[in-house]
């Protein structure tokens, strides 16, 4: 005698979209959703993931084939905010070192002039000013150079990529604020990472999501993203 065949109810629509939440078992709405409205579990299916990877890989591949790609690889972007903050320290060391030399020349000139000696009060004061300015100038210069070297110690990477997502954090200090953006980027090899990018002010429009192009990165810092229209 033939046995009845029992067919298990499908947990997916023909399109691959889930019918029931795999975590809490609740029936999902008929409209596509990425999170369960009852337990907030992510509902990305394997088919969704493959489709997303296929779309990103295809667009990133077109960046690799674009006639501007080789030129983008040959170009070096400006360094990041950390390098320029360090460069300001090096710059400020210049006036201090100049002050040290001027004070030293003044002390020697006054002390060796007729009727004076290097032990005169003004000469001693100028020597002290020279020593202090020299100390502060060398200290600023040393700190700035060390920070510049640290900022470029990590290799500069230039890769075809696509911006998948972004978020931002704003830090308020006194009467001003500073916004830092964090971009999730997918690269030509399929790797995905989050990279920091400093806000450039209210007049600058940060990079949008779903943007293909070439990413210039050092470590976890995004130096620049060059959009390639594909």
Foldseek 3Di string as FASTA:
>chain_A
DDDDDDDDDDQADPVRFGQADPPPRHGADPDDDQAGPPPRHGRQDPVNVVVVLVVFLVLLVVQVVDPCNVVQVVDDFDFAPQLVVLVVLLVVLVVLQVLLVVLQVVLVVVQPDPPHHSPDPSSVVSNVSSVVSNVSSVVSNVSSVVSNCVRPVFDKDKFWKFFADKDKDWDDDDPDIWIKMWTWIATNVRDIDIAIHTDPDPVDDDDDHRFTAIFIDGDRHTRDGDGDDD
